[in-house]
Protein backbone atom coordinates (compact mmCIF):
# COMPACT_ATOMS: atom_id res chain seq x y z
CA MET A 1 102.53 77.76 99.81
CA THR A 2 102.03 79.52 96.49
CA PRO A 3 100.82 83.11 97.01
CA MET A 4 97.24 83.87 96.12
CA ILE A 5 96.81 85.68 92.80
CA SER A 6 94.21 88.43 92.37
CA ILE A 7 93.37 89.29 88.78
CA ILE A 8 91.63 92.67 88.62
CA ILE A 9 89.59 93.26 85.46
CA PRO A 10 87.52 96.40 84.80
CA VAL A 11 84.46 95.59 82.69
CA TYR A 12 82.57 97.98 80.45
CA ASN A 13 80.26 96.50 77.82
CA ASN A 14 82.29 93.29 77.52
CA ALA A 15 79.47 90.73 77.82
CA PRO A 16 80.50 88.63 74.75
CA THR A 17 84.06 87.99 76.02
CA LEU A 18 83.59 87.43 79.77
CA ALA A 19 82.78 83.71 79.79
CA GLU A 20 85.71 82.84 77.51
CA LEU A 21 88.03 85.08 79.53
CA ALA A 22 87.08 83.43 82.83
CA GLU A 23 87.42 79.94 81.35
CA ARG A 24 90.85 80.64 79.88
CA ILE A 25 92.10 82.13 83.15
CA ALA A 26 90.87 79.10 85.11
CA THR A 27 92.56 76.73 82.66
CA THR A 28 95.80 78.72 82.61
CA LEU A 29 96.06 78.99 86.40
CA ALA A 30 95.11 75.40 87.20
CA GLY A 31 97.01 74.40 90.33
CA GLU A 32 97.35 78.02 91.52
CA ASP A 33 95.38 79.76 94.25
CA TRP A 34 93.59 82.56 92.45
CA GLU A 35 90.62 84.89 92.35
CA ILE A 36 89.25 87.11 89.61
CA VAL A 37 87.85 90.46 90.72
CA PHE A 38 85.60 91.69 87.91
CA VAL A 39 84.59 95.34 88.36
CA ASN A 40 81.51 96.17 86.32
CA ASP A 41 81.91 99.86 85.54
CA GLY A 42 78.30 100.73 84.74
CA SER A 43 78.06 98.55 81.62
CA ARG A 44 75.05 99.17 79.40
CA ASP A 45 74.94 95.65 77.96
CA ASP A 46 74.43 92.28 79.70
CA SER A 47 77.86 92.24 81.33
CA LEU A 48 76.52 92.25 84.89
CA ALA A 49 74.09 89.41 84.15
CA VAL A 50 76.93 87.34 82.67
CA LEU A 51 79.12 88.09 85.69
CA ARG A 52 76.38 86.98 88.06
CA GLU A 53 76.20 83.62 86.25
CA LEU A 54 79.97 83.19 86.31
CA ALA A 55 80.15 84.04 90.03
CA ALA A 56 77.31 81.63 90.84
CA ALA A 57 79.21 78.82 89.12
CA ASP A 58 82.63 79.54 90.69
CA PRO A 59 83.16 81.26 94.08
CA ARG A 60 86.68 82.26 93.03
CA ILE A 61 85.06 84.74 90.66
CA LYS A 62 84.26 87.93 92.54
CA VAL A 63 82.09 90.72 91.17
CA VAL A 64 82.02 94.38 92.13
CA ALA A 65 79.22 96.34 90.45
CA LEU A 66 79.65 100.12 90.53
CA SER A 67 76.59 102.33 90.68
CA ARG A 68 77.43 103.96 87.32
CA ASN A 69 80.30 104.38 84.89
CA PHE A 70 83.21 106.01 86.74
CA GLY A 71 86.04 105.16 84.35
CA GLN A 72 88.78 102.56 84.12
CA HIS A 73 91.03 103.89 86.88
CA PRO A 74 88.31 104.30 89.55
CA ALA A 75 87.08 100.81 88.63
CA THR A 76 90.62 99.48 89.02
CA ASN A 77 90.80 101.17 92.41
CA ALA A 78 87.58 99.44 93.49
CA GLY A 79 89.11 96.09 92.55
CA MET A 80 92.31 96.77 94.47
CA VAL A 81 90.43 97.78 97.60
CA LEU A 82 88.76 94.34 97.71
CA ALA A 83 91.52 92.11 96.29
CA LYS A 84 93.08 89.63 98.72
CA GLY A 85 96.01 88.31 96.70
CA ARG A 86 99.72 88.61 97.44
CA GLU A 87 100.32 88.91 93.69
CA ILE A 88 98.15 91.24 91.62
CA VAL A 89 97.48 91.21 87.89
CA PHE A 90 95.86 93.99 85.88
CA MET A 91 94.33 93.05 82.54
CA ASP A 92 91.52 94.12 80.21
CA ALA A 93 88.31 92.21 79.56
CA ASP A 94 88.32 92.37 75.75
CA LEU A 95 90.70 89.38 75.21
CA GLN A 96 93.41 91.58 73.73
CA ASP A 97 95.46 90.60 76.78
CA ARG A 98 95.97 86.83 76.61
CA PRO A 99 95.31 84.93 79.87
CA GLU A 100 97.90 82.40 78.70
CA ASP A 101 100.60 85.06 79.24
CA ILE A 102 99.84 85.45 82.96
CA PRO A 103 102.28 82.66 83.97
CA LEU A 104 105.07 84.51 82.14
CA LEU A 105 104.47 87.59 84.27
CA LEU A 106 104.21 85.59 87.49
CA ALA A 107 107.37 83.61 86.73
CA ARG A 108 109.32 86.85 86.32
CA LEU A 109 107.73 88.31 89.46
CA ARG A 110 108.75 85.21 91.43
CA ASP A 111 112.33 85.11 90.12
CA ARG A 112 114.39 85.51 93.29
CA ALA A 113 117.64 85.70 91.33
CA ARG A 114 116.53 89.04 89.84
CA PRO A 115 113.84 90.33 92.22
CA VAL A 116 111.33 92.87 90.95
CA ASP A 117 108.07 94.23 92.29
CA ILE A 118 106.39 95.08 88.98
CA VAL A 119 106.37 93.27 85.64
CA TYR A 120 105.06 95.36 82.74
CA THR A 121 104.08 94.03 79.33
CA VAL A 122 105.12 95.55 76.03
CA LYS A 123 102.96 94.86 72.99
CA SER A 124 105.14 92.99 70.50
CA GLU A 125 102.30 92.44 68.02
CA ARG A 126 99.46 94.94 67.79
CA TYR A 127 96.12 94.83 66.02
CA ASP A 128 94.96 98.30 67.07
CA ALA A 129 94.00 100.96 64.57
CA ALA A 130 96.90 102.89 63.07
CA LEU A 131 95.77 106.11 64.79
CA THR A 132 95.66 104.36 68.18
CA ARG A 133 99.19 103.00 67.73
CA LEU A 134 100.50 106.37 66.57
CA THR A 135 98.96 108.39 69.41
CA SER A 136 100.09 105.82 71.98
CA MET A 137 103.65 105.92 70.65
CA ILE A 138 103.72 109.74 70.66
CA PHE A 139 102.32 109.96 74.19
CA HIS A 140 104.77 107.48 75.71
CA HIS A 141 107.70 109.10 73.92
CA VAL A 142 106.74 112.61 75.07
CA HIS A 143 105.91 111.44 78.60
CA SER A 144 109.24 109.61 78.92
CA ARG A 145 111.22 112.62 77.68
CA LEU A 146 109.45 115.08 79.97
CA THR A 147 109.40 113.00 83.15
CA GLY A 148 112.67 111.12 82.75
CA LEU A 149 110.76 107.87 83.37
CA GLN A 150 111.81 105.45 80.67
CA ALA A 151 108.88 103.47 79.31
CA PRO A 152 109.24 101.56 76.04
CA PRO A 153 106.77 102.27 73.22
CA GLY A 154 103.84 99.88 73.38
CA ILE A 155 103.77 99.46 77.16
CA GLY A 156 100.38 98.06 78.14
CA THR A 157 98.04 98.06 81.10
CA PHE A 158 98.51 94.27 81.38
CA ARG A 159 100.96 93.84 84.27
CA ALA A 160 101.70 91.93 87.48
CA PHE A 161 103.01 93.29 90.76
CA THR A 162 103.32 92.51 94.45
CA ARG A 163 100.81 93.39 97.13
CA ARG A 164 103.35 95.80 98.60
CA VAL A 165 103.07 97.92 95.45
CA MET A 166 99.27 97.75 95.57
CA VAL A 167 99.17 98.90 99.20
CA GLU A 168 101.45 101.82 98.36
CA MET A 169 99.27 102.78 95.39
CA LEU A 170 96.20 102.83 97.62
CA ARG A 171 97.94 105.42 99.81
CA TYR A 172 97.74 107.98 97.02
CA GLY A 173 94.72 110.08 97.87
CA GLU A 174 94.04 112.04 94.68
CA ARG A 175 90.60 111.39 93.22
CA ASN A 176 91.45 111.50 89.51
CA ILE A 177 94.31 109.07 89.65
CA LEU A 178 96.12 107.54 86.66
CA TYR A 179 97.76 104.28 87.66
CA GLY A 180 99.89 103.88 84.53
CA PRO A 181 102.13 106.93 85.00
CA LEU A 182 101.87 106.59 88.78
CA MET A 183 103.37 103.09 88.87
CA LEU A 184 106.29 104.19 86.70
CA SER A 185 106.99 107.09 89.05
CA MET A 186 106.96 105.02 92.27
CA GLY A 187 110.48 103.74 91.80
CA TYR A 188 110.00 100.04 92.52
CA ALA A 189 112.23 97.53 90.74
CA HIS A 190 110.56 96.43 87.52
CA ASP A 191 111.04 94.58 84.28
CA PHE A 192 109.39 94.44 80.86
CA ILE A 193 108.13 91.36 79.01
CA HIS A 194 107.08 91.39 75.35
CA VAL A 195 103.74 89.72 74.69
CA PRO A 196 101.32 89.77 71.73
CA HIS A 197 98.38 92.14 71.89
CA MET A 198 95.51 90.39 70.17
CA GLU A 199 92.47 91.64 68.31
CA ARG A 200 89.44 92.53 70.39
CA GLY A 201 87.20 89.57 71.10
CA ALA A 202 84.07 91.60 70.34
CA GLY A 203 82.81 95.15 70.06
CA LYS A 204 84.99 98.23 69.84
CA SER A 205 87.05 100.22 72.29
CA SER A 206 85.26 102.82 74.41
CA TYR A 207 88.41 104.95 74.30
CA SER A 208 87.78 107.46 71.54
CA PHE A 209 90.50 109.78 70.30
CA GLY A 210 89.04 112.53 72.49
CA LYS A 211 89.20 110.37 75.62
CA ARG A 212 92.75 109.29 74.86
CA LEU A 213 93.76 112.91 74.34
CA GLY A 214 92.09 113.88 77.62
CA LEU A 215 93.99 111.18 79.51
CA ALA A 216 97.26 112.29 77.89
CA VAL A 217 96.68 115.92 78.91
CA SER A 218 95.72 114.85 82.43
CA ALA A 219 98.86 112.72 82.74
CA LEU A 220 101.08 115.60 81.61
CA VAL A 221 99.37 118.05 83.98
CA ARG A 222 99.65 115.69 86.96
CA HIS A 223 103.11 114.25 86.40
CA THR A 224 105.11 117.04 84.71
CA ASP A 225 105.58 120.78 84.95
CA ILE A 226 105.72 121.22 81.18
CA PRO A 227 102.35 123.02 80.71
CA TYR A 228 103.32 126.17 82.58
CA ARG A 229 106.91 125.99 81.32
CA ILE A 230 105.57 126.15 77.75
CA PHE A 231 104.00 129.53 78.46
CA LEU A 232 107.07 130.80 80.30
CA PHE A 233 109.21 130.00 77.27
CA LEU A 234 106.51 131.31 74.94
CA GLY A 235 106.38 134.61 76.82
CA GLY A 236 110.15 134.91 76.74
CA GLY A 237 110.19 134.07 73.05
CA ILE A 238 107.58 136.74 72.29
CA ILE A 239 109.64 139.37 74.11
CA VAL A 240 112.81 138.41 72.22
CA PHE A 241 110.98 138.28 68.88
CA SER A 242 109.32 141.66 69.53
CA PHE A 243 112.67 143.26 70.36
CA PHE A 244 114.42 142.01 67.23
CA TYR A 245 111.39 142.81 65.09
CA ALA A 246 111.41 146.39 66.36
CA VAL A 247 115.17 146.71 65.76
CA PHE A 248 114.78 145.28 62.25
CA ASN A 249 112.02 147.76 61.39
CA ILE A 250 114.04 150.69 62.75
CA LEU A 251 117.04 149.67 60.64
CA GLN A 252 114.84 149.29 57.57
CA TYR A 253 113.39 152.75 58.14
CA LEU A 254 116.81 154.35 58.67
CA PHE A 255 118.56 152.75 55.70
CA TRP A 256 115.75 152.10 53.20
CA GLY A 257 113.05 154.50 54.29
CA ARG A 258 110.39 151.85 54.84
CA ILE A 259 109.26 149.27 57.37
CA LEU A 260 108.53 145.58 56.85
CA MET A 261 104.83 145.83 57.62
CA GLY A 262 102.36 148.65 58.14
CA GLY A 263 101.53 149.65 61.71
CA LEU A 264 97.86 148.61 61.55
CA GLU A 265 98.70 145.16 60.17
CA VAL A 266 101.29 144.63 62.89
CA ILE A 267 98.83 145.64 65.61
CA ILE A 268 96.11 143.31 64.29
CA LEU A 269 98.55 140.42 63.96
CA LEU A 270 99.91 140.90 67.47
CA MET A 271 96.43 141.27 68.94
CA LEU A 272 95.26 138.03 67.38
CA PHE A 273 98.40 136.23 68.50
CA PHE A 274 98.16 137.47 72.09
CA MET A 275 94.42 136.76 72.23
CA GLY A 276 95.01 133.18 71.15
CA THR A 277 97.88 132.55 73.57
CA SER A 278 95.95 134.26 76.40
CA CYS A 279 92.93 132.01 75.82
CA ILE A 280 95.13 128.91 75.87
CA ALA A 281 96.91 130.11 79.02
CA MET A 282 93.61 130.86 80.77
CA GLY A 283 92.30 127.45 79.75
CA LEU A 284 95.40 125.83 81.23
CA ILE A 285 95.02 127.81 84.44
CA GLY A 286 91.35 126.82 84.55
CA LEU A 287 92.34 123.16 84.13
CA TYR A 288 94.68 123.36 87.11
CA ILE A 289 92.06 125.17 89.21
CA PHE A 290 89.43 122.57 88.30
CA GLN A 291 91.79 119.75 89.27
CA ILE A 292 92.49 121.48 92.59
CA PHE A 293 88.76 122.01 93.15
CA GLN A 294 88.01 118.34 92.52
CA GLU A 295 90.72 117.24 94.93
CA ALA A 296 89.51 119.71 97.58
CA LEU A 297 86.00 118.22 97.47
CA ARG A 298 87.44 114.82 98.48
CA ARG A 299 84.61 112.97 96.78
CA PRO A 300 84.77 109.16 96.61
CA ARG A 301 86.34 107.73 93.48
CA HIS A 302 83.41 105.34 93.03
CA HIS A 303 80.24 103.96 94.61
CA ILE A 304 79.65 100.22 94.89
CA ALA A 305 76.10 99.10 94.20
CA GLU A 306 76.59 95.34 94.59
CA THR A 307 79.22 92.74 95.39
CA ILE A 308 79.11 89.00 94.70
CA ASN A 309 81.27 86.41 96.49
CA LEU A 310 82.84 89.24 98.49
CA ALA A 311 82.25 90.02 102.16
CA PRO A 312 80.93 93.58 102.52
CA ARG A 313 83.27 96.09 104.14
CA ASP A 314 82.03 98.29 106.96
CA GLY A 315 83.37 101.72 107.80
CA PRO A 316 85.34 104.14 105.62
CA PRO A 317 86.89 103.06 102.29
CA PHE A 318 90.17 101.20 102.54
CA GLU A 319 92.98 103.63 101.59
CA GLY A 320 96.10 101.94 102.88
CA PRO A 321 97.59 98.94 104.69
């Protein structure tokens, strides 16, 4: 029997694209056993109303409505907790990920000649803004170099993987989890497929430059040791520079009777430099402490306000097998 497919789709202000997305998935997966788990992440438009209509018309469409906006990764977690499939697909709700490409991912996932547990997509054609493409390319390049995890430029959130991978992901207990870097670090056999990345079906992305930068910083803090290493090297560099600068000034004074810069100017310059680096270092330390504080609180990643076509779960949240 063909394994059941669970397609997990976070939704945030995507009302205009939801009906077309559901229809195209149903057409594409005709003959398969599938479910769509839409997770409404506190949308401010009519997304939840549209999802209710879609779920009423087709019981294979499941809806999880969160109590407020928690973010893409907590919403994805809510979908995984309730998904029943043996094969899992992540995709966005804005039609930039084409439902027609899902069979390509599943075919590679089911290839027993070259078994893999995760199939990632790489955006071969992109219609994002130039700044979005540039920042994405820089982040993936830097992240790959620092972590040693090779990810091609343009890797997307659209992907398919086995239930085994999903169960292992749900074992990770940190509250502010980032599933993109996490999946790359898990070590499961994987492959990459190039697919087009289309224009948005409607509206604009909720990921501003500030949000993208915040996610990049969070990923580097959680998956690399580079932040504190920067300040170790910076401190060492300052010591070396200060030593050679002092030697240079002494030699200038001995042989030419002058120094490169007056004492007051040097003191002001050094004070400003150390004040700036100290503020950055304290901010970095504060970021780590805040992350530790959040994890120590052990707060839930999300709160579910409503489910449709899903049996309610009793007891504590599902965190593992």
